[in-house]
N, C-alpha and C. Protein backbone atom coordinates (compact mmCIF):
# COMPACT_ATOMS: atom_id res chain seq x y z
N MET A 1 -4.19 -7.82 -4.30
CA MET A 1 -5.26 -7.02 -3.50
C MET A 1 -4.40 -5.88 -2.95
N GLY A 2 -3.24 -6.24 -2.37
CA GLY A 2 -2.50 -5.16 -1.77
C GLY A 2 -1.88 -4.22 -2.71
N SER A 3 -1.68 -4.60 -4.02
CA SER A 3 -1.07 -3.73 -4.92
C SER A 3 -1.87 -2.64 -5.43
N ALA A 4 -3.31 -2.81 -5.11
CA ALA A 4 -4.10 -1.64 -5.36
C ALA A 4 -3.92 -0.52 -4.40
N ASP A 5 -3.86 -1.01 -3.21
CA ASP A 5 -3.53 0.04 -2.08
C ASP A 5 -2.22 0.70 -2.26
N GLU A 6 -1.23 -0.01 -2.64
CA GLU A 6 0.22 0.52 -2.89
C GLU A 6 0.12 1.52 -3.97
N ALA A 7 -0.58 1.24 -5.09
CA ALA A 7 -0.75 2.09 -6.26
C ALA A 7 -1.43 3.41 -5.84
N LYS A 8 -2.57 3.17 -5.09
CA LYS A 8 -3.36 4.37 -4.50
C LYS A 8 -2.41 5.27 -3.60
N GLY A 9 -1.61 4.67 -2.88
CA GLY A 9 -0.71 5.33 -1.90
C GLY A 9 0.34 6.13 -2.63
N ARG A 10 0.82 5.54 -3.81
CA ARG A 10 1.92 6.19 -4.59
C ARG A 10 1.25 7.45 -5.15
N VAL A 11 -0.05 7.32 -5.69
CA VAL A 11 -0.59 8.45 -6.37
C VAL A 11 -0.86 9.55 -5.36
N LYS A 12 -1.34 9.16 -4.08
CA LYS A 12 -1.56 10.30 -3.04
C LYS A 12 -0.19 10.86 -2.60
N GLU A 13 0.82 10.09 -2.52
CA GLU A 13 2.08 10.61 -2.31
C GLU A 13 2.59 11.61 -3.22
N ALA A 14 2.41 11.30 -4.50
CA ALA A 14 2.94 12.08 -5.57
C ALA A 14 1.96 13.45 -5.49
N LEU A 15 0.71 13.36 -5.33
CA LEU A 15 -0.18 14.51 -5.31
C LEU A 15 0.19 15.49 -4.15
N GLY A 16 0.61 14.71 -2.98
CA GLY A 16 1.10 15.44 -1.88
C GLY A 16 2.31 16.20 -2.13
N ASP A 17 3.22 15.61 -2.85
CA ASP A 17 4.56 16.25 -3.17
C ASP A 17 4.13 17.48 -4.08
N LEU A 18 3.22 17.10 -5.22
CA LEU A 18 2.99 18.38 -6.11
C LEU A 18 2.45 19.48 -5.51
N THR A 19 1.47 19.24 -4.58
CA THR A 19 0.66 20.29 -3.84
C THR A 19 1.25 20.74 -2.57
N ASP A 20 2.26 20.16 -2.11
CA ASP A 20 3.04 20.53 -1.02
C ASP A 20 2.15 20.18 0.27
N ASN A 21 1.32 19.07 0.22
CA ASN A 21 0.25 18.75 1.15
C ASN A 21 0.85 17.68 2.04
N ASP A 22 1.21 17.97 3.14
CA ASP A 22 1.84 16.85 4.08
C ASP A 22 0.83 15.80 4.54
N LYS A 23 -0.38 16.17 4.75
CA LYS A 23 -1.27 15.21 5.11
C LYS A 23 -1.59 14.13 3.97
N LEU A 24 -1.72 14.61 2.85
CA LEU A 24 -2.02 13.76 1.65
C LEU A 24 -0.83 12.83 1.46
N ARG A 25 0.34 13.41 1.57
CA ARG A 25 1.71 12.66 1.57
C ARG A 25 1.70 11.58 2.62
N GLN A 26 1.38 11.82 3.72
CA GLN A 26 1.28 10.89 4.90
C GLN A 26 0.28 9.91 4.71
N LYS A 27 -0.81 10.28 4.21
CA LYS A 27 -2.00 9.35 4.00
C LYS A 27 -1.51 8.27 2.85
N GLY A 28 -0.71 8.71 1.94
CA GLY A 28 -0.25 8.02 0.69
C GLY A 28 0.77 6.83 1.25
N GLY A 29 1.51 7.35 2.28
CA GLY A 29 2.52 6.38 2.98
C GLY A 29 1.67 5.30 3.72
N ILE A 30 0.61 5.81 4.33
CA ILE A 30 -0.09 4.65 5.13
C ILE A 30 -0.80 3.70 4.20
N ASP A 31 -1.33 4.23 3.14
CA ASP A 31 -1.97 3.32 2.10
C ASP A 31 -0.99 2.26 1.45
N ARG A 32 0.35 2.78 1.17
CA ARG A 32 1.19 1.98 0.67
C ARG A 32 1.78 0.89 1.70
N ALA A 33 1.76 1.25 2.92
CA ALA A 33 2.11 0.25 3.97
C ALA A 33 1.08 -0.84 4.12
N LYS A 34 -0.23 -0.20 4.12
CA LYS A 34 -1.37 -1.20 4.26
C LYS A 34 -1.24 -2.28 3.04
N GLY A 35 -1.05 -1.74 1.87
CA GLY A 35 -0.87 -2.65 0.79
C GLY A 35 0.27 -3.74 0.99
N GLN A 36 1.41 -3.25 1.40
CA GLN A 36 2.44 -4.13 1.57
C GLN A 36 2.13 -5.21 2.68
N VAL A 37 1.50 -4.89 3.73
CA VAL A 37 1.05 -5.80 4.79
C VAL A 37 0.05 -6.73 4.20
N LYS A 38 -0.94 -6.25 3.31
CA LYS A 38 -1.89 -7.25 2.90
C LYS A 38 -1.23 -8.26 1.90
N ASP A 39 -0.12 -7.84 1.19
CA ASP A 39 0.57 -8.76 0.34
C ASP A 39 1.19 -9.89 1.18
N VAL A 40 1.96 -9.44 2.34
CA VAL A 40 2.54 -10.40 3.10
C VAL A 40 1.53 -11.46 3.79
N VAL A 41 0.38 -10.85 4.29
CA VAL A 41 -0.57 -11.82 4.79
C VAL A 41 -1.19 -12.71 3.82
N ASP A 42 -1.41 -12.22 2.46
CA ASP A 42 -1.76 -13.06 1.53
C ASP A 42 -0.92 -14.17 1.17
N LYS A 43 0.39 -13.90 1.07
CA LYS A 43 1.43 -14.88 0.71
C LYS A 43 1.46 -15.90 1.86
N ALA A 44 1.41 -15.49 3.11
CA ALA A 44 1.51 -16.36 4.30
C ALA A 44 0.22 -17.32 4.31
N ALA A 45 -0.88 -16.77 3.90
CA ALA A 45 -2.17 -17.61 4.00
C ALA A 45 -1.94 -18.66 2.81
N ASP A 46 -1.47 -18.28 1.65
CA ASP A 46 -1.26 -19.09 0.56
C ASP A 46 -0.28 -20.23 0.98
N ARG A 47 0.82 -19.86 1.63
CA ARG A 47 1.73 -20.87 2.07
C ARG A 47 1.17 -21.85 3.07
N ALA A 48 0.36 -21.31 4.06
CA ALA A 48 -0.24 -22.23 4.97
C ALA A 48 -1.38 -23.15 4.32
N ALA A 49 -1.87 -22.68 3.27
CA ALA A 49 -2.90 -23.58 2.66
C ALA A 49 -2.18 -24.50 1.53
N GLY A 50 -0.86 -24.35 1.51
CA GLY A 50 -0.14 -25.18 0.49
C GLY A 50 -0.14 -24.74 -0.99
N LYS A 51 -0.44 -23.59 -1.15
CA LYS A 51 -0.55 -22.99 -2.50
C LYS A 51 0.78 -22.12 -2.86
N ASP A 52 1.81 -22.70 -2.66
CA ASP A 52 3.24 -22.02 -2.95
C ASP A 52 3.10 -21.49 -4.30
């Protein structure tokens, strides 16, 4: 689930770099961070549920 946000963020960052758009680049970084947090939370929930 978080990997989709990370991919979306990478695309936004790349487009921001290509177009020299700082806001788009920043939004991409935020999306990537959200994806990473979701992955961590999902892994923690799986461990808590005993689904190593």
